[in-house]
Amino acid sequence: MANIQFTNGTLTTTGGEDILFDVVADKYFSTWIFAHNMTSAETLRIRGYILDENANTMRLFIDESISGVQASPGWYIHLLPAIEYRITITRTAGTDKVYTWLRAEI
């Protein structure tokens, strides 16, 4: 069975595109972002980037917005292979909040 490593943390939004993490490693990654503290006034944009080795640049692969109180506050980004993997969040409405996250690497 593969060895799974977990990393977690918190980030307070600033109104700009805030980097949750930017990891360089030949692995499979998945991510949970916990939006349990959102109110009806908040909107959050979640973006994921992956390295395009041929062009040596980061490419957007996911761009989602969530808003309001979350019935299912654990937001999941599926398992995918990557050489460089970056996840960002941007508060686009409401007030800045602290968001917690969990990343799994295999």
PDB file of N, CA and C in Angstrom:
ATOM      1  N   MET A   1       0.843  -1.180   0.000  1.00  0.00           N
ATOM      2  CA  MET A   1       0.000   0.000   0.000  1.00  0.00           C
ATOM      3  C   MET A   1       0.889   1.243   0.000  1.00  0.00           C
ATOM      4  N   ALA A   2       0.462   2.268  -0.721  1.00  0.00           N
ATOM      5  CA  ALA A   2       1.219   3.512  -0.821  1.00  0.00           C
ATOM      6  C   ALA A   2       1.217   4.258   0.505  1.00  0.00           C
ATOM      7  N   ASN A   3       2.301   4.958   0.744  1.00  0.00           N
ATOM      8  CA  ASN A   3       2.429   5.775   1.941  1.00  0.00           C
ATOM      9  C   ASN A   3       1.736   7.126   1.694  1.00  0.00           C
ATOM     10  N   ILE A   4       0.765   7.481   2.524  1.00  0.00           N
ATOM     11  CA  ILE A   4       0.044   8.748   2.394  1.00  0.00           C
ATOM     12  C   ILE A   4       0.568   9.721   3.434  1.00  0.00           C
ATOM     13  N   GLN A   5       0.911  10.917   2.974  1.00  0.00           N
ATOM     14  CA  GLN A   5       1.381  11.973   3.877  1.00  0.00           C
ATOM     15  C   GLN A   5       0.326  13.078   3.880  1.00  0.00           C
ATOM     16  N   PHE A   6      -0.035  13.545   5.070  1.00  0.00           N
ATOM     17  CA  PHE A   6      -1.014  14.618   5.205  1.00  0.00           C
ATOM     18  C   PHE A   6      -0.326  15.890   5.694  1.00  0.00           C
ATOM     19  N   THR A   7      -0.749  17.016   5.120  1.00  0.00           N
ATOM     20  CA  THR A   7      -0.288  18.336   5.543  1.00  0.00           C
ATOM     21  C   THR A   7      -1.538  19.191   5.705  1.00  0.00           C
ATOM     22  N   ASN A   8      -1.561  20.018   6.744  1.00  0.00           N
ATOM     23  CA  ASN A   8      -2.727  20.876   6.931  1.00  0.00           C
ATOM     24  C   ASN A   8      -2.289  22.265   7.350  1.00  0.00           C
ATOM     25  N   GLY A   9      -3.221  23.195   7.308  1.00  0.00           N
ATOM     26  CA  GLY A   9      -2.905  24.555   7.702  1.00  0.00           C
ATOM     27  C   GLY A   9      -4.134  25.434   7.686  1.00  0.00           C
ATOM     28  N   THR A  10      -3.893  26.712   7.895  1.00  0.00           N
ATOM     29  CA  THR A  10      -4.953  27.718   7.860  1.00  0.00           C
ATOM     30  C   THR A  10      -4.477  28.890   7.022  1.00  0.00           C
ATOM     31  N   LEU A  11      -5.428  29.633   6.506  1.00  0.00           N
ATOM     32  CA  LEU A  11      -5.121  30.837   5.754  1.00  0.00           C
ATOM     33  C   LEU A  11      -6.246  31.835   5.972  1.00  0.00           C
ATOM     34  N   THR A  12      -5.892  33.087   6.226  1.00  0.00           N
ATOM     35  CA  THR A  12      -6.870  34.163   6.325  1.00  0.00           C
ATOM     36  C   THR A  12      -6.895  34.896   4.991  1.00  0.00           C
ATOM     37  N   THR A  13      -8.065  35.011   4.399  1.00  0.00           N
ATOM     38  CA  THR A  13      -8.184  35.679   3.105  1.00  0.00           C
ATOM     39  C   THR A  13      -7.858  37.167   3.241  1.00  0.00           C
ATOM     40  N   THR A  14      -7.458  37.773   2.115  1.00  0.00           N
ATOM     41  CA  THR A  14      -7.097  39.191   2.099  1.00  0.00           C
ATOM     42  C   THR A  14      -7.869  39.980   1.052  1.00  0.00           C
ATOM     43  N   GLY A  15      -8.681  39.297   0.245  1.00  0.00           N
ATOM     44  CA  GLY A  15      -9.367  39.958  -0.858  1.00  0.00           C
ATOM     45  C   GLY A  15      -8.632  39.776  -2.169  1.00  0.00           C
ATOM     46  N   GLY A  16      -7.359  39.359  -2.105  1.00  0.00           N
ATOM     47  CA  GLY A  16      -6.597  39.035  -3.306  1.00  0.00           C
ATOM     48  C   GLY A  16      -6.558  37.524  -3.478  1.00  0.00           C
ATOM     49  N   GLU A  17      -5.853  37.053  -4.502  1.00  0.00           N
ATOM     50  CA  GLU A  17      -5.707  35.612  -4.702  1.00  0.00           C
ATOM     51  C   GLU A  17      -4.623  35.120  -3.747  1.00  0.00           C
ATOM     52  N   ASP A  18      -5.040  34.437  -2.685  1.00  0.00           N
ATOM     53  CA  ASP A  18      -4.135  33.965  -1.639  1.00  0.00           C
ATOM     54  C   ASP A  18      -3.753  32.509  -1.906  1.00  0.00           C
ATOM     55  N   ILE A  19      -2.466  32.205  -1.820  1.00  0.00           N
ATOM     56  CA  ILE A  19      -1.968  30.855  -2.068  1.00  0.00           C
ATOM     57  C   ILE A  19      -2.086  30.015  -0.798  1.00  0.00           C
ATOM     58  N   LEU A  20      -2.901  28.945  -0.859  1.00  0.00           N
ATOM     59  CA  LEU A  20      -2.955  28.001   0.255  1.00  0.00           C
ATOM     60  C   LEU A  20      -1.625  27.261   0.334  1.00  0.00           C
ATOM     61  N   PHE A  21      -1.158  26.784  -0.818  1.00  0.00           N
ATOM     62  CA  PHE A  21       0.151  26.132  -0.891  1.00  0.00           C
ATOM     63  C   PHE A  21       0.562  26.007  -2.347  1.00  0.00           C
ATOM     64  N   ASP A  22       1.861  25.856  -2.550  1.00  0.00           N
ATOM     65  CA  ASP A  22       2.457  25.629  -3.864  1.00  0.00           C
ATOM     66  C   ASP A  22       3.524  24.567  -3.632  1.00  0.00           C
ATOM     67  N   VAL A  23       3.267  23.341  -4.093  1.00  0.00           N
ATOM     68  CA  VAL A  23       4.124  22.203  -3.790  1.00  0.00           C
ATOM     69  C   VAL A  23       4.804  21.722  -5.058  1.00  0.00           C
ATOM     70  N   VAL A  24       6.115  21.481  -4.976  1.00  0.00           N
ATOM     71  CA  VAL A  24       6.861  20.896  -6.078  1.00  0.00           C
ATOM     72  C   VAL A  24       7.296  19.502  -5.650  1.00  0.00           C
ATOM     73  N   ALA A  25       6.716  18.470  -6.289  1.00  0.00           N
ATOM     74  CA  ALA A  25       7.033  17.077  -5.975  1.00  0.00           C
ATOM     75  C   ALA A  25       6.333  16.183  -6.986  1.00  0.00           C
ATOM     76  N   ASP A  26       6.958  15.089  -7.357  1.00  0.00           N
ATOM     77  CA  ASP A  26       6.335  14.112  -8.256  1.00  0.00           C
ATOM     78  C   ASP A  26       5.446  13.198  -7.421  1.00  0.00           C
ATOM     79  N   LYS A  27       4.173  13.587  -7.260  1.00  0.00           N
ATOM     80  CA  LYS A  27       3.256  12.840  -6.406  1.00  0.00           C
ATOM     81  C   LYS A  27       1.834  12.967  -6.932  1.00  0.00           C
ATOM     82  N   TYR A  28       0.936  12.278  -6.254  1.00  0.00           N
ATOM     83  CA  TYR A  28      -0.497  12.455  -6.435  1.00  0.00           C
ATOM     84  C   TYR A  28      -0.970  13.318  -5.273  1.00  0.00           C
ATOM     85  N   PHE A  29      -1.837  14.299  -5.566  1.00  0.00           N
ATOM     86  CA  PHE A  29      -2.319  15.220  -4.550  1.00  0.00           C
ATOM     87  C   PHE A  29      -3.847  15.245  -4.530  1.00  0.00           C
ATOM     88  N   SER A  30      -4.413  15.451  -3.364  1.00  0.00           N
ATOM     89  CA  SER A  30      -5.824  15.803  -3.225  1.00  0.00           C
ATOM     90  C   SER A  30      -5.928  16.819  -2.092  1.00  0.00           C
ATOM     91  N   THR A  31      -7.003  17.584  -2.084  1.00  0.00           N
ATOM     92  CA  THR A  31      -7.126  18.689  -1.131  1.00  0.00           C
ATOM     93  C   THR A  31      -8.548  18.816  -0.608  1.00  0.00           C
ATOM     94  N   TRP A  32      -8.650  19.098   0.684  1.00  0.00           N
ATOM     95  CA  TRP A  32      -9.905  19.494   1.321  1.00  0.00           C
ATOM     96  C   TRP A  32      -9.758  20.948   1.748  1.00  0.00           C
ATOM     97  N   ILE A  33     -10.768  21.759   1.476  1.00  0.00           N
ATOM     98  CA  ILE A  33     -10.852  23.128   1.996  1.00  0.00           C
ATOM     99  C   ILE A  33     -12.130  23.184   2.813  1.00  0.00           C
ATOM    100  N   PHE A  34     -12.012  23.625   4.050  1.00  0.00           N
ATOM    101  CA  PHE A  34     -13.158  23.619   4.964  1.00  0.00           C
ATOM    102  C   PHE A  34     -13.770  25.011   5.043  1.00  0.00           C
ATOM    103  N   ALA A  35     -14.998  25.119   4.543  1.00  0.00           N
ATOM    104  CA  ALA A  35     -15.696  26.394   4.446  1.00  0.00           C
ATOM    105  C   ALA A  35     -16.834  26.472   5.460  1.00  0.00           C
ATOM    106  N   HIS A  36     -16.629  25.903   6.624  1.00  0.00           N
ATOM    107  CA  HIS A  36     -17.671  25.822   7.651  1.00  0.00           C
ATOM    108  C   HIS A  36     -18.014  27.167   8.283  1.00  0.00           C
ATOM    109  N   ASN A  37     -17.134  28.157   8.162  1.00  0.00           N
ATOM    110  CA  ASN A  37     -17.398  29.443   8.814  1.00  0.00           C
ATOM    111  C   ASN A  37     -17.960  30.508   7.869  1.00  0.00           C
ATOM    112  N   MET A  38     -18.371  30.111   6.660  1.00  0.00           N
ATOM    113  CA  MET A  38     -18.934  31.073   5.726  1.00  0.00           C
ATOM    114  C   MET A  38     -20.335  31.489   6.173  1.00  0.00           C
ATOM    115  N   THR A  39     -20.653  32.757   5.944  1.00  0.00           N
ATOM    116  CA  THR A  39     -21.998  33.275   6.200  1.00  0.00           C
ATOM    117  C   THR A  39     -22.685  33.535   4.863  1.00  0.00           C
ATOM    118  N   SER A  40     -23.917  33.991   4.914  1.00  0.00           N
ATOM    119  CA  SER A  40     -24.660  34.253   3.674  1.00  0.00           C
ATOM    120  C   SER A  40     -24.023  35.355   2.831  1.00  0.00           C
ATOM    121  N   ALA A  41     -23.160  36.168   3.430  1.00  0.00           N
ATOM    122  CA  ALA A  41     -22.545  37.292   2.713  1.00  0.00           C
ATOM    123  C   ALA A  41     -21.248  36.923   1.986  1.00  0.00           C
ATOM    124  N   GLU A  42     -20.670  35.752   2.272  1.00  0.00           N
ATOM    125  CA  GLU A  42     -19.356  35.412   1.711  1.00  0.00           C
ATOM    126  C   GLU A  42     -19.441  34.661   0.385  1.00  0.00           C
ATOM    127  N   THR A  43     -18.509  34.993  -0.488  1.00  0.00           N
ATOM    128  CA  THR A  43     -18.271  34.230  -1.712  1.00  0.00           C
ATOM    129  C   THR A  43     -16.778  33.966  -1.794  1.00  0.00           C
ATOM    130  N   LEU A  44     -16.438  32.736  -2.125  1.00  0.00           N
ATOM    131  CA  LEU A  44     -15.044  32.294  -2.163  1.00  0.00           C
ATOM    132  C   LEU A  44     -14.764  31.670  -3.523  1.00  0.00           C
ATOM    133  N   ARG A  45     -13.664  32.073  -4.139  1.00  0.00           N
ATOM    134  CA  ARG A  45     -13.233  31.499  -5.411  1.00  0.00           C
ATOM    135  C   ARG A  45     -12.051  30.581  -5.125  1.00  0.00           C
ATOM    136  N   ILE A  46     -12.138  29.345  -5.601  1.00  0.00           N
ATOM    137  CA  ILE A  46     -11.087  28.354  -5.397  1.00  0.00           C
ATOM    138  C   ILE A  46     -10.490  28.019  -6.763  1.00  0.00           C
ATOM    139  N   ARG A  47      -9.168  28.106  -6.850  1.00  0.00           N
ATOM    140  CA  ARG A  47      -8.473  27.807  -8.104  1.00  0.00           C
ATOM    141  C   ARG A  47      -7.368  26.787  -7.864  1.00  0.00           C
ATOM    142  N   GLY A  48      -7.195  25.919  -8.834  1.00  0.00           N
ATOM    143  CA  GLY A  48      -6.111  24.948  -8.792  1.00  0.00           C
ATOM    144  C   GLY A  48      -5.274  25.069 -10.050  1.00  0.00           C
ATOM    145  N   TYR A  49      -3.967  24.969  -9.881  1.00  0.00           N
ATOM    146  CA  TYR A  49      -3.028  25.071 -10.991  1.00  0.00           C
ATOM    147  C   TYR A  49      -2.115  23.852 -10.983  1.00  0.00           C
ATOM    148  N   ILE A  50      -1.672  23.456 -12.170  1.00  0.00           N
ATOM    149  CA  ILE A  50      -0.741  22.349 -12.312  1.00  0.00           C
ATOM    150  C   ILE A  50       0.318  22.750 -13.339  1.00  0.00           C
ATOM    151  N   LEU A  51       1.533  22.243 -13.164  1.00  0.00           N
ATOM    152  CA  LEU A  51       2.642  22.619 -14.041  1.00  0.00           C
ATOM    153  C   LEU A  51       2.506  21.970 -15.406  1.00  0.00           C
ATOM    154  N   ASP A  52       2.588  22.784 -16.456  1.00  0.00           N
ATOM    155  CA  ASP A  52       2.714  22.325 -17.844  1.00  0.00           C
ATOM    156  C   ASP A  52       4.210  22.330 -18.135  1.00  0.00           C
ATOM    157  N   GLU A  53       4.822  21.147 -18.073  1.00  0.00           N
ATOM    158  CA  GLU A  53       6.280  21.059 -18.241  1.00  0.00           C
ATOM    159  C   GLU A  53       6.743  21.509 -19.622  1.00  0.00           C
ATOM    160  N   ASN A  54       5.945  21.270 -20.657  1.00  0.00           N
ATOM    161  CA  ASN A  54       6.354  21.652 -22.009  1.00  0.00           C
ATOM    162  C   ASN A  54       6.514  23.164 -22.149  1.00  0.00           C
ATOM    163  N   ALA A  55       5.648  23.916 -21.491  1.00  0.00           N
ATOM    164  CA  ALA A  55       5.711  25.377 -21.564  1.00  0.00           C
ATOM    165  C   ALA A  55       6.361  25.982 -20.323  1.00  0.00           C
ATOM    166  N   ASN A  56       6.676  25.140 -19.327  1.00  0.00           N
ATOM    167  CA  ASN A  56       7.269  25.584 -18.067  1.00  0.00           C
ATOM    168  C   ASN A  56       6.456  26.718 -17.426  1.00  0.00           C
ATOM    169  N   THR A  57       5.141  26.489 -17.348  1.00  0.00           N
ATOM    170  CA  THR A  57       4.253  27.468 -16.741  1.00  0.00           C
ATOM    171  C   THR A  57       3.118  26.753 -16.010  1.00  0.00           C
ATOM    172  N   MET A  58       2.521  27.431 -15.049  1.00  0.00           N
ATOM    173  CA  MET A  58       1.397  26.864 -14.317  1.00  0.00           C
ATOM    174  C   MET A  58       0.115  27.092 -15.112  1.00  0.00           C
ATOM    175  N   ARG A  59      -0.714  26.036 -15.213  1.00  0.00           N
ATOM    176  CA  ARG A  59      -1.968  26.106 -15.958  1.00  0.00           C
ATOM    177  C   ARG A  59      -3.147  25.884 -15.009  1.00  0.00           C
ATOM    178  N   LEU A  60      -4.166  26.677 -15.187  1.00  0.00           N
ATOM    179  CA  LEU A  60      -5.391  26.570 -14.401  1.00  0.00           C
ATOM    180  C   LEU A  60      -6.127  25.290 -14.783  1.00  0.00           C
ATOM    181  N   PHE A  61      -6.512  24.471 -13.784  1.00  0.00           N
ATOM    182  CA  PHE A  61      -7.302  23.276 -14.078  1.00  0.00           C
ATOM    183  C   PHE A  61      -8.644  23.274 -13.364  1.00  0.00           C
ATOM    184  N   ILE A  62      -8.805  24.128 -12.368  1.00  0.00           N
ATOM    185  CA  ILE A  62     -10.103  24.228 -11.693  1.00  0.00           C
ATOM    186  C   ILE A  62     -10.317  25.683 -11.284  1.00  0.00           C
ATOM    187  N   ASP A  63     -11.539  26.160 -11.452  1.00  0.00           N
ATOM    188  CA  ASP A  63     -11.898  27.533 -11.089  1.00  0.00           C
ATOM    189  C   ASP A  63     -13.368  27.500 -10.669  1.00  0.00           C
ATOM    190  N   GLU A  64     -13.606  27.445  -9.366  1.00  0.00           N
ATOM    191  CA  GLU A  64     -14.957  27.292  -8.827  1.00  0.00           C
ATOM    192  C   GLU A  64     -15.244  28.381  -7.804  1.00  0.00           C
ATOM    193  N   SER A  65     -16.499  28.778  -7.725  1.00  0.00           N
ATOM    194  CA  SER A  65     -16.936  29.720  -6.699  1.00  0.00           C
ATOM    195  C   SER A  65     -17.957  29.035  -5.809  1.00  0.00           C
ATOM    196  N   ILE A  66     -17.848  29.295  -4.504  1.00  0.00           N
ATOM    197  CA  ILE A  66     -18.864  28.847  -3.559  1.00  0.00           C
ATOM    198  C   ILE A  66     -19.326  30.071  -2.787  1.00  0.00           C
ATOM    199  N   SER A  67     -20.589  30.062  -2.402  1.00  0.00           N
ATOM    200  CA  SER A  67     -21.098  31.235  -1.694  1.00  0.00           C
ATOM    201  C   SER A  67     -22.107  30.817  -0.643  1.00  0.00           C
ATOM    202  N   GLY A  68     -22.212  31.671   0.371  1.00  0.00           N
ATOM    203  CA  GLY A  68     -23.194  31.473   1.421  1.00  0.00           C
ATOM    204  C   GLY A  68     -22.827  30.376   2.400  1.00  0.00           C
ATOM    205  N   VAL A  69     -23.751  30.108   3.282  1.00  0.00           N
ATOM    206  CA  VAL A  69     -23.577  29.066   4.286  1.00  0.00           C
ATOM    207  C   VAL A  69     -23.551  27.725   3.557  1.00  0.00           C
ATOM    208  N   GLN A  70     -22.566  26.908   3.871  1.00  0.00           N
ATOM    209  CA  GLN A  70     -22.373  25.646   3.177  1.00  0.00           C
ATOM    210  C   GLN A  70     -23.046  24.492   3.913  1.00  0.00           C
ATOM    211  N   ALA A  71     -23.964  23.806   3.227  1.00  0.00           N
ATOM    212  CA  ALA A  71     -24.612  22.625   3.809  1.00  0.00           C
ATOM    213  C   ALA A  71     -23.592  21.499   3.979  1.00  0.00           C
ATOM    214  N   SER A  72     -22.659  21.383   3.023  1.00  0.00           N
ATOM    215  CA  SER A  72     -21.547  20.425   3.102  1.00  0.00           C
ATOM    216  C   SER A  72     -20.265  21.248   3.072  1.00  0.00           C
ATOM    217  N   PRO A  73     -19.743  21.620   4.240  1.00  0.00           N
ATOM    218  CA  PRO A  73     -18.648  22.591   4.287  1.00  0.00           C
ATOM    219  C   PRO A  73     -17.264  22.051   3.942  1.00  0.00           C
ATOM    220  N   GLY A  74     -17.123  20.768   3.680  1.00  0.00           N
ATOM    221  CA  GLY A  74     -15.836  20.235   3.247  1.00  0.00           C
ATOM    222  C   GLY A  74     -15.787  20.215   1.735  1.00  0.00           C
ATOM    223  N   TRP A  75     -14.978  21.087   1.134  1.00  0.00           N
ATOM    224  CA  TRP A  75     -14.893  21.210  -0.320  1.00  0.00           C
ATOM    225  C   TRP A  75     -13.679  20.419  -0.782  1.00  0.00           C
ATOM    226  N   TYR A  76     -13.849  19.473  -1.724  1.00  0.00           N
ATOM    227  CA  TYR A  76     -12.820  18.502  -2.095  1.00  0.00           C
ATOM    228  C   TYR A  76     -12.317  18.699  -3.515  1.00  0.00           C
ATOM    229  N   ILE A  77     -10.997  18.657  -3.689  1.00  0.00           N
ATOM    230  CA  ILE A  77     -10.370  18.632  -5.011  1.00  0.00           C
ATOM    231  C   ILE A  77      -9.782  17.237  -5.176  1.00  0.00           C
ATOM    232  N   HIS A  78     -10.214  16.538  -6.194  1.00  0.00           N
ATOM    233  CA  HIS A  78      -9.907  15.123  -6.409  1.00  0.00           C
ATOM    234  C   HIS A  78      -8.404  14.828  -6.542  1.00  0.00           C
ATOM    235  N   LEU A  79      -8.069  13.570  -6.383  1.00  0.00           N
ATOM    236  CA  LEU A  79      -6.692  13.076  -6.493  1.00  0.00           C
ATOM    237  C   LEU A  79      -6.198  13.214  -7.931  1.00  0.00           C
ATOM    238  N   LEU A  80      -5.004  13.803  -8.098  1.00  0.00           N
ATOM    239  CA  LEU A  80      -4.418  13.919  -9.425  1.00  0.00           C
ATOM    240  C   LEU A  80      -2.895  13.926  -9.337  1.00  0.00           C
ATOM    241  N   PRO A  81      -2.235  13.439 -10.387  1.00  0.00           N
ATOM    242  CA  PRO A  81      -0.769  13.450 -10.397  1.00  0.00           C
ATOM    243  C   PRO A  81      -0.258  14.827 -10.793  1.00  0.00           C
ATOM    244  N   ALA A  82       0.879  15.216 -10.213  1.00  0.00           N
ATOM    245  CA  ALA A  82       1.433  16.527 -10.544  1.00  0.00           C
ATOM    246  C   ALA A  82       2.920  16.576 -10.225  1.00  0.00           C
ATOM    247  N   ILE A  83       3.600  17.472 -10.896  1.00  0.00           N
ATOM    248  CA  ILE A  83       4.988  17.788 -10.586  1.00  0.00           C
ATOM    249  C   ILE A  83       5.030  19.057  -9.749  1.00  0.00           C
ATOM    250  N   GLU A  84       4.157  20.011 -10.074  1.00  0.00           N
ATOM    251  CA  GLU A  84       3.954  21.191  -9.231  1.00  0.00           C
ATOM    252  C   GLU A  84       2.455  21.407  -9.132  1.00  0.00           C
ATOM    253  N   TYR A  85       1.991  21.708  -7.919  1.00  0.00           N
ATOM    254  CA  TYR A  85       0.560  21.767  -7.616  1.00  0.00           C
ATOM    255  C   TYR A  85       0.318  22.977  -6.723  1.00  0.00           C
ATOM    256  N   ARG A  86      -0.580  23.879  -7.162  1.00  0.00           N
ATOM    257  CA  ARG A  86      -0.875  25.105  -6.401  1.00  0.00           C
ATOM    258  C   ARG A  86      -2.383  25.266  -6.251  1.00  0.00           C
ATOM    259  N   ILE A  87      -2.816  25.597  -5.044  1.00  0.00           N
ATOM    260  CA  ILE A  87      -4.221  25.885  -4.779  1.00  0.00           C
ATOM    261  C   ILE A  87      -4.310  27.289  -4.180  1.00  0.00           C
ATOM    262  N   THR A  88      -5.247  28.079  -4.710  1.00  0.00           N
ATOM    263  CA  THR A  88      -5.456  29.438  -4.205  1.00  0.00           C
ATOM    264  C   THR A  88      -6.927  29.635  -3.849  1.00  0.00           C
ATOM    265  N   ILE A  89      -7.168  30.594  -2.950  1.00  0.00           N
ATOM    266  CA  ILE A  89      -8.537  31.023  -2.657  1.00  0.00           C
ATOM    267  C   ILE A  89      -8.576  32.551  -2.688  1.00  0.00           C
ATOM    268  N   THR A  90      -9.722  33.057  -3.114  1.00  0.00           N
ATOM    269  CA  THR A  90      -9.935  34.500  -3.168  1.00  0.00           C
ATOM    270  C   THR A  90     -11.310  34.800  -2.594  1.00  0.00           C
ATOM    271  N   ARG A  91     -11.368  35.679  -1.604  1.00  0.00           N
ATOM    272  CA  ARG A  91     -12.656  36.156  -1.107  1.00  0.00           C
ATOM    273  C   ARG A  91     -13.137  37.211  -2.082  1.00  0.00           C
ATOM    274  N   THR A  92     -14.275  36.965  -2.729  1.00  0.00           N
ATOM    275  CA  THR A  92     -14.798  37.919  -3.708  1.00  0.00           C
ATOM    276  C   THR A  92     -15.983  38.721  -3.188  1.00  0.00           C
ATOM    277  N   ALA A  93     -16.531  38.317  -2.044  1.00  0.00           N
ATOM    278  CA  ALA A  93     -17.608  39.081  -1.394  1.00  0.00           C
ATOM    279  C   ALA A  93     -17.588  38.752   0.089  1.00  0.00           C
ATOM    280  N   GLY A  94     -18.080  39.672   0.899  1.00  0.00           N
ATOM    281  CA  GLY A  94     -18.130  39.455   2.348  1.00  0.00           C
ATOM    282  C   GLY A  94     -16.861  39.922   3.039  1.00  0.00           C
ATOM    283  N   THR A  95     -16.595  39.325   4.194  1.00  0.00           N
ATOM    284  CA  THR A  95     -15.433  39.712   4.993  1.00  0.00           C
ATOM    285  C   THR A  95     -14.396  38.605   4.985  1.00  0.00           C
ATOM    286  N   ASP A  96     -13.150  38.990   5.278  1.00  0.00           N
ATOM    287  CA  ASP A  96     -12.070  38.009   5.336  1.00  0.00           C
ATOM    288  C   ASP A  96     -12.314  37.021   6.473  1.00  0.00           C
ATOM    289  N   LYS A  97     -11.998  35.767   6.207  1.00  0.00           N
ATOM    290  CA  LYS A  97     -12.193  34.682   7.171  1.00  0.00           C
ATOM    291  C   LYS A  97     -10.953  33.797   7.185  1.00  0.00           C
ATOM    292  N   VAL A  98     -10.855  32.994   8.236  1.00  0.00           N
ATOM    293  CA  VAL A  98      -9.816  31.973   8.323  1.00  0.00           C
ATOM    294  C   VAL A  98     -10.392  30.684   7.750  1.00  0.00           C
ATOM    295  N   TYR A  99      -9.674  30.091   6.808  1.00  0.00           N
ATOM    296  CA  TYR A  99     -10.067  28.812   6.219  1.00  0.00           C
ATOM    297  C   TYR A  99      -9.008  27.775   6.559  1.00  0.00           C
ATOM    298  N   THR A 100      -9.460  26.584   6.904  1.00  0.00           N
ATOM    299  CA  THR A 100      -8.535  25.487   7.171  1.00  0.00           C
ATOM    300  C   THR A 100      -8.524  24.560   5.960  1.00  0.00           C
ATOM    301  N   TRP A 101      -7.419  23.852   5.796  1.00  0.00           N
ATOM    302  CA  TRP A 101      -7.287  22.957   4.655  1.00  0.00           C
ATOM    303  C   TRP A 101      -6.467  21.728   5.045  1.00  0.00           C
ATOM    304  N   LEU A 102      -6.606  20.688   4.227  1.00  0.00           N
ATOM    305  CA  LEU A 102      -5.887  19.426   4.404  1.00  0.00           C
ATOM    306  C   LEU A 102      -5.481  18.938   3.016  1.00  0.00           C
ATOM    307  N   ARG A 103      -4.191  18.620   2.857  1.00  0.00           N
ATOM    308  CA  ARG A 103      -3.672  18.099   1.594  1.00  0.00           C
ATOM    309  C   ARG A 103      -3.139  16.698   1.831  1.00  0.00           C
ATOM    310  N   ALA A 104      -3.484  15.775   0.938  1.00  0.00           N
ATOM    311  CA  ALA A 104      -2.948  14.420   0.991  1.00  0.00           C
ATOM    312  C   ALA A 104      -2.003  14.239  -0.191  1.00  0.00           C
ATOM    313  N   GLU A 105      -0.874  13.586   0.063  1.00  0.00           N
ATOM    314  CA  GLU A 105       0.120  13.298  -0.981  1.00  0.00           C
ATOM    315  C   GLU A 105       0.419  11.809  -0.952  1.00  0.00           C
ATOM    316  N   ILE A 106       0.464  11.229  -2.126  1.00  0.00           N
ATOM    317  CA  ILE A 106       0.819   9.813  -2.242  1.00  0.00           C
ATOM    318  C   ILE A 106       2.035   9.714  -3.169  1.00  0.00           C
TER     319      ILE A 106
END
